[in-house]
Structure formats: structure tokens, C-alpha cells
Amino acid sequence: MKQILKNPILLFFVLAICIALPLCIFPINLFNGEIVSGDGLQEITEKAPLSLSYFFGLGYNEEDMTFVKDFYLLPAGYLLAAVFIIGIPALVAYRVYLKGDTQKD
């Protein structure tokens, strides 16, 4: 465990996996997206918070998806996902790197 806390690159990957797994497994609707639905005659696009687990086929009922043609993240949703999965682990790893750098002096 101490080896992970001393190596910022290893810490980054461990934290990124620890944050990405719950976001990709559990239906946590945090990310801005759009749902395209229709019955063949009319197509409706509506903004809705989406979960990353929906893209893996987890966390929704088949009955809820009867008229849904497509769903996707908006640029703000992609940005928020990148901040959670890459940004936060990078900040923590950078902090560990700086702490280790000052202890060597």
C-alpha cells in the first residue's frame, strides 16, 4: 500500500480505476446527455442526465427503452466524465508527487 502512495503514476491509475468502476457499473445519473426517442412517425430529442453504465447496458430496464432510438453524452457530459476519471486522480497524483519532491530536499 505504501508503494502505491509513493508512486504518483501508479496512484493515478489505481484512483482512475477506482473512480471509473462505480461510474460504469452503477446507474448514477450525473452526466449531461440527450435521449432520442420516437415511434417511427415522430422523433423527439430531450436532454436528460445519463449514467455511464447505460453505455455498457447496465442499470436500466428494457421496458424503459422501448421507443428509445439512441442516447449520447453532450460535450459538457464528456467534460464532466473526463474530470472525474482523469482530472481528480491526476490532481491527487500530482499532489503526491509534489509532497515526495519536497521531502527529498
N, C-alpha and C. Protein backbone atom coordinates (compact mmCIF):
# COMPACT_ATOMS: atom_id res chain seq x y z
N MET A 1 0.82 -1.19 0.00
CA MET A 1 0.00 0.00 0.00
C MET A 1 0.87 1.26 0.00
N LYS A 2 1.96 1.22 0.73
CA LYS A 2 2.84 2.38 0.77
C LYS A 2 3.51 2.61 -0.58
N GLN A 3 3.73 1.53 -1.33
CA GLN A 3 4.33 1.66 -2.65
C GLN A 3 3.41 2.45 -3.58
N ILE A 4 2.10 2.21 -3.48
CA ILE A 4 1.14 2.93 -4.31
C ILE A 4 1.13 4.41 -3.94
N LEU A 5 1.21 4.70 -2.65
CA LEU A 5 1.16 6.09 -2.20
C LEU A 5 2.43 6.87 -2.53
N LYS A 6 3.53 6.18 -2.77
CA LYS A 6 4.78 6.85 -3.10
C LYS A 6 4.97 7.05 -4.59
N ASN A 7 4.34 6.23 -5.41
CA ASN A 7 4.49 6.30 -6.85
C ASN A 7 3.28 7.03 -7.45
N PRO A 8 3.45 8.27 -7.93
CA PRO A 8 2.30 9.03 -8.41
C PRO A 8 1.65 8.43 -9.66
N ILE A 9 2.41 7.82 -10.54
CA ILE A 9 1.83 7.24 -11.76
C ILE A 9 0.97 6.04 -11.41
N LEU A 10 1.45 5.19 -10.54
CA LEU A 10 0.66 4.04 -10.10
C LEU A 10 -0.58 4.49 -9.35
N LEU A 11 -0.43 5.51 -8.52
CA LEU A 11 -1.57 6.07 -7.78
C LEU A 11 -2.62 6.62 -8.73
N PHE A 12 -2.19 7.30 -9.80
CA PHE A 12 -3.12 7.83 -10.79
C PHE A 12 -3.96 6.71 -11.40
N PHE A 13 -3.33 5.63 -11.83
CA PHE A 13 -4.07 4.54 -12.47
C PHE A 13 -5.00 3.83 -11.49
N VAL A 14 -4.56 3.64 -10.26
CA VAL A 14 -5.41 2.99 -9.26
C VAL A 14 -6.62 3.86 -8.95
N LEU A 15 -6.42 5.15 -8.77
CA LEU A 15 -7.54 6.05 -8.49
C LEU A 15 -8.49 6.16 -9.68
N ALA A 16 -7.94 6.21 -10.89
CA ALA A 16 -8.79 6.30 -12.08
C ALA A 16 -9.68 5.06 -12.20
N ILE A 17 -9.13 3.90 -11.92
CA ILE A 17 -9.93 2.67 -11.96
C ILE A 17 -10.96 2.66 -10.84
N CYS A 18 -10.56 3.09 -9.65
CA CYS A 18 -11.49 3.11 -8.52
C CYS A 18 -12.64 4.09 -8.72
N ILE A 19 -12.42 5.15 -9.46
CA ILE A 19 -13.49 6.10 -9.73
C ILE A 19 -14.32 5.64 -10.93
N ALA A 20 -13.67 5.09 -11.95
CA ALA A 20 -14.38 4.70 -13.18
C ALA A 20 -15.28 3.48 -12.96
N LEU A 21 -14.86 2.54 -12.14
CA LEU A 21 -15.67 1.32 -11.95
C LEU A 21 -17.08 1.62 -11.41
N PRO A 22 -17.23 2.37 -10.33
CA PRO A 22 -18.61 2.65 -9.88
C PRO A 22 -19.41 3.47 -10.90
N LEU A 23 -18.74 4.39 -11.59
CA LEU A 23 -19.46 5.20 -12.58
C LEU A 23 -19.92 4.36 -13.77
N CYS A 24 -19.19 3.29 -14.08
CA CYS A 24 -19.54 2.45 -15.22
C CYS A 24 -20.41 1.26 -14.83
N ILE A 25 -20.56 0.97 -13.56
CA ILE A 25 -21.35 -0.18 -13.13
C ILE A 25 -22.70 0.25 -12.56
N PHE A 26 -22.71 1.26 -11.72
CA PHE A 26 -23.94 1.68 -11.06
C PHE A 26 -24.64 2.79 -11.86
N PRO A 27 -25.96 2.83 -11.85
CA PRO A 27 -26.68 3.86 -12.60
C PRO A 27 -26.72 5.20 -11.86
N ILE A 28 -25.62 5.93 -11.93
CA ILE A 28 -25.50 7.23 -11.30
C ILE A 28 -25.68 8.28 -12.40
N ASN A 29 -26.82 8.93 -12.43
CA ASN A 29 -27.13 9.88 -13.50
C ASN A 29 -26.52 11.24 -13.20
N LEU A 30 -25.29 11.44 -13.64
CA LEU A 30 -24.58 12.69 -13.39
C LEU A 30 -24.25 13.47 -14.65
N PHE A 31 -24.20 12.82 -15.78
CA PHE A 31 -23.60 13.39 -16.97
C PHE A 31 -24.66 13.89 -17.94
N ASN A 32 -24.49 15.11 -18.42
CA ASN A 32 -25.44 15.72 -19.35
C ASN A 32 -25.46 14.95 -20.67
N GLY A 33 -26.66 14.61 -21.11
CA GLY A 33 -26.79 13.89 -22.37
C GLY A 33 -28.13 14.15 -23.01
N GLU A 34 -28.34 13.49 -24.13
CA GLU A 34 -29.60 13.59 -24.84
C GLU A 34 -30.11 12.20 -25.16
N ILE A 35 -31.43 12.07 -25.12
CA ILE A 35 -32.09 10.82 -25.46
C ILE A 35 -32.94 11.08 -26.70
N VAL A 36 -32.73 10.28 -27.73
CA VAL A 36 -33.51 10.39 -28.96
C VAL A 36 -34.52 9.25 -28.95
N SER A 37 -35.79 9.60 -28.96
CA SER A 37 -36.84 8.58 -28.94
C SER A 37 -37.84 8.87 -30.04
N GLY A 38 -38.56 7.85 -30.41
CA GLY A 38 -39.56 8.02 -31.44
C GLY A 38 -40.25 6.70 -31.73
N ASP A 39 -41.38 6.80 -32.41
CA ASP A 39 -42.16 5.61 -32.74
C ASP A 39 -42.23 5.36 -34.24
N GLY A 40 -41.37 5.97 -35.00
CA GLY A 40 -41.39 5.81 -36.44
C GLY A 40 -42.00 7.00 -37.15
N LEU A 41 -42.96 7.64 -36.55
CA LEU A 41 -43.61 8.80 -37.16
C LEU A 41 -42.98 10.11 -36.70
N GLN A 42 -42.58 10.16 -35.45
CA GLN A 42 -42.07 11.38 -34.86
C GLN A 42 -40.82 11.05 -34.05
N GLU A 43 -39.82 11.91 -34.13
CA GLU A 43 -38.59 11.74 -33.38
C GLU A 43 -38.45 12.89 -32.39
N ILE A 44 -38.22 12.55 -31.13
CA ILE A 44 -38.13 13.54 -30.05
C ILE A 44 -36.74 13.44 -29.43
N THR A 45 -36.10 14.58 -29.27
CA THR A 45 -34.80 14.65 -28.60
C THR A 45 -34.97 15.46 -27.33
N GLU A 46 -34.60 14.86 -26.21
CA GLU A 46 -34.72 15.57 -24.94
C GLU A 46 -33.43 15.43 -24.14
N LYS A 47 -33.10 16.50 -23.44
CA LYS A 47 -31.91 16.49 -22.59
C LYS A 47 -32.26 15.79 -21.28
N ALA A 48 -31.32 14.98 -20.82
CA ALA A 48 -31.52 14.24 -19.58
C ALA A 48 -30.17 13.87 -19.00
N PRO A 49 -30.07 13.77 -17.68
CA PRO A 49 -28.83 13.27 -17.09
C PRO A 49 -28.70 11.77 -17.36
N LEU A 50 -27.53 11.37 -17.79
CA LEU A 50 -27.29 9.96 -18.12
C LEU A 50 -26.19 9.40 -17.23
N SER A 51 -26.15 8.09 -17.16
CA SER A 51 -25.11 7.39 -16.44
C SER A 51 -24.18 6.71 -17.44
N LEU A 52 -22.93 6.55 -17.08
CA LEU A 52 -22.01 5.84 -17.95
C LEU A 52 -22.35 4.36 -18.05
N SER A 53 -23.06 3.84 -17.06
CA SER A 53 -23.43 2.43 -17.08
C SER A 53 -24.42 2.12 -18.19
N TYR A 54 -25.19 3.10 -18.64
CA TYR A 54 -26.14 2.88 -19.73
C TYR A 54 -25.44 2.49 -21.01
N PHE A 55 -24.23 2.98 -21.22
CA PHE A 55 -23.49 2.68 -22.44
C PHE A 55 -22.94 1.26 -22.44
N PHE A 56 -22.90 0.64 -21.27
CA PHE A 56 -22.48 -0.75 -21.16
C PHE A 56 -23.66 -1.70 -21.02
N GLY A 57 -24.87 -1.17 -21.07
CA GLY A 57 -26.07 -1.99 -20.97
C GLY A 57 -26.45 -2.34 -19.54
N LEU A 58 -25.98 -1.58 -18.58
CA LEU A 58 -26.27 -1.84 -17.18
C LEU A 58 -27.14 -0.73 -16.60
N GLY A 59 -28.00 -1.06 -15.66
CA GLY A 59 -28.69 -0.05 -14.88
C GLY A 59 -30.00 0.48 -15.43
N TYR A 60 -30.53 -0.09 -16.48
CA TYR A 60 -31.83 0.36 -16.95
C TYR A 60 -32.70 -0.84 -17.30
N ASN A 61 -34.01 -0.63 -17.26
CA ASN A 61 -34.96 -1.69 -17.60
C ASN A 61 -35.22 -1.68 -19.10
N GLU A 62 -35.45 -2.85 -19.65
CA GLU A 62 -35.75 -2.95 -21.08
C GLU A 62 -37.07 -2.25 -21.41
N GLU A 63 -38.00 -2.22 -20.47
CA GLU A 63 -39.28 -1.55 -20.71
C GLU A 63 -39.10 -0.04 -20.88
N ASP A 64 -38.11 0.53 -20.21
CA ASP A 64 -37.86 1.96 -20.32
C ASP A 64 -37.26 2.33 -21.68
N MET A 65 -36.71 1.37 -22.39
CA MET A 65 -36.01 1.64 -23.64
C MET A 65 -36.83 1.26 -24.88
N THR A 66 -38.15 1.11 -24.76
CA THR A 66 -38.95 0.63 -25.87
C THR A 66 -38.92 1.57 -27.07
N PHE A 67 -39.07 2.87 -26.88
CA PHE A 67 -39.10 3.81 -28.00
C PHE A 67 -37.80 4.60 -28.13
N VAL A 68 -36.80 4.27 -27.35
CA VAL A 68 -35.53 4.99 -27.40
C VAL A 68 -34.71 4.48 -28.57
N LYS A 69 -34.35 5.40 -29.45
CA LYS A 69 -33.52 5.04 -30.61
C LYS A 69 -32.04 5.16 -30.29
N ASP A 70 -31.68 6.23 -29.57
CA ASP A 70 -30.28 6.49 -29.28
C ASP A 70 -30.18 7.38 -28.05
N PHE A 71 -29.06 7.30 -27.40
CA PHE A 71 -28.74 8.24 -26.32
C PHE A 71 -27.24 8.48 -26.35
N TYR A 72 -26.85 9.68 -26.03
CA TYR A 72 -25.44 10.05 -26.09
C TYR A 72 -25.17 11.20 -25.13
N LEU A 73 -23.88 11.38 -24.81
CA LEU A 73 -23.47 12.46 -23.93
C LEU A 73 -23.26 13.73 -24.74
N LEU A 74 -23.54 14.84 -24.12
CA LEU A 74 -23.24 16.15 -24.68
C LEU A 74 -21.79 16.50 -24.34
N PRO A 75 -21.22 17.53 -24.97
CA PRO A 75 -19.84 17.90 -24.62
C PRO A 75 -19.63 18.18 -23.13
N ALA A 76 -20.61 18.77 -22.47
CA ALA A 76 -20.49 19.00 -21.03
C ALA A 76 -20.45 17.68 -20.26
N GLY A 77 -21.17 16.68 -20.75
CA GLY A 77 -21.13 15.36 -20.11
C GLY A 77 -19.79 14.68 -20.28
N TYR A 78 -19.21 14.79 -21.49
CA TYR A 78 -17.87 14.24 -21.72
C TYR A 78 -16.84 14.94 -20.84
N LEU A 79 -16.97 16.25 -20.71
CA LEU A 79 -16.03 17.00 -19.89
C LEU A 79 -16.13 16.59 -18.43
N LEU A 80 -17.35 16.44 -17.92
CA LEU A 80 -17.52 16.03 -16.53
C LEU A 80 -16.97 14.62 -16.30
N ALA A 81 -17.19 13.72 -17.25
CA ALA A 81 -16.65 12.36 -17.13
C ALA A 81 -15.12 12.39 -17.13
N ALA A 82 -14.53 13.23 -17.97
CA ALA A 82 -13.07 13.34 -18.01
C ALA A 82 -12.53 13.93 -16.71
N VAL A 83 -13.24 14.89 -16.14
CA VAL A 83 -12.80 15.48 -14.88
C VAL A 83 -12.82 14.43 -13.77
N PHE A 84 -13.89 13.63 -13.72
CA PHE A 84 -13.98 12.61 -12.68
C PHE A 84 -12.94 11.50 -12.88
N ILE A 85 -12.81 11.00 -14.09
CA ILE A 85 -11.98 9.81 -14.32
C ILE A 85 -10.51 10.15 -14.51
N ILE A 86 -10.21 11.31 -15.07
CA ILE A 86 -8.81 11.67 -15.32
C ILE A 86 -8.34 12.82 -14.43
N GLY A 87 -9.16 13.85 -14.30
CA GLY A 87 -8.74 15.06 -13.61
C GLY A 87 -8.48 14.89 -12.12
N ILE A 88 -9.42 14.29 -11.42
CA ILE A 88 -9.26 14.13 -9.96
C ILE A 88 -8.09 13.21 -9.62
N PRO A 89 -7.96 12.04 -10.27
CA PRO A 89 -6.77 11.23 -9.98
C PRO A 89 -5.46 11.94 -10.35
N ALA A 90 -5.48 12.75 -11.42
CA ALA A 90 -4.27 13.48 -11.80
C ALA A 90 -3.89 14.51 -10.73
N LEU A 91 -4.88 15.21 -10.19
CA LEU A 91 -4.60 16.18 -9.13
C LEU A 91 -4.04 15.51 -7.88
N VAL A 92 -4.62 14.39 -7.50
CA VAL A 92 -4.13 13.67 -6.31
C VAL A 92 -2.72 13.15 -6.56
N ALA A 93 -2.47 12.59 -7.74
CA ALA A 93 -1.14 12.07 -8.06
C ALA A 93 -0.11 13.20 -8.11
N TYR A 94 -0.51 14.34 -8.65
CA TYR A 94 0.40 15.49 -8.69
C TYR A 94 0.71 15.98 -7.28
N ARG A 95 -0.28 15.95 -6.41
CA ARG A 95 -0.06 16.35 -5.02
C ARG A 95 0.92 15.40 -4.33
N VAL A 96 0.78 14.12 -4.59
CA VAL A 96 1.71 13.13 -4.01
C VAL A 96 3.11 13.34 -4.58
N TYR A 97 3.19 13.65 -5.86
CA TYR A 97 4.49 13.93 -6.49
C TYR A 97 5.15 15.14 -5.84
N LEU A 98 4.38 16.21 -5.64
CA LEU A 98 4.95 17.41 -5.01
C LEU A 98 5.35 17.15 -3.57
N LYS A 99 4.59 16.37 -2.86
CA LYS A 99 4.93 16.06 -1.47
C LYS A 99 6.22 15.25 -1.41
N GLY A 100 6.37 14.29 -2.30
CA GLY A 100 7.59 13.49 -2.36
C GLY A 100 8.79 14.32 -2.79
N ASP A 101 8.56 15.30 -3.65
CA ASP A 101 9.64 16.15 -4.14
C ASP A 101 10.16 17.05 -3.02
N THR A 102 9.27 17.55 -2.16
CA THR A 102 9.71 18.44 -1.08
C THR A 102 10.38 17.66 0.05
N GLN A 103 10.05 16.41 0.21
CA GLN A 103 10.68 15.61 1.26
C GLN A 103 12.11 15.23 0.90
N LYS A 104 12.44 15.24 -0.40
CA LYS A 104 13.81 14.92 -0.82
C LYS A 104 14.77 16.06 -0.55
N ASP A 105 14.24 17.28 -0.43
CA ASP A 105 15.11 18.46 -0.21
C ASP A 105 15.67 18.52 1.17
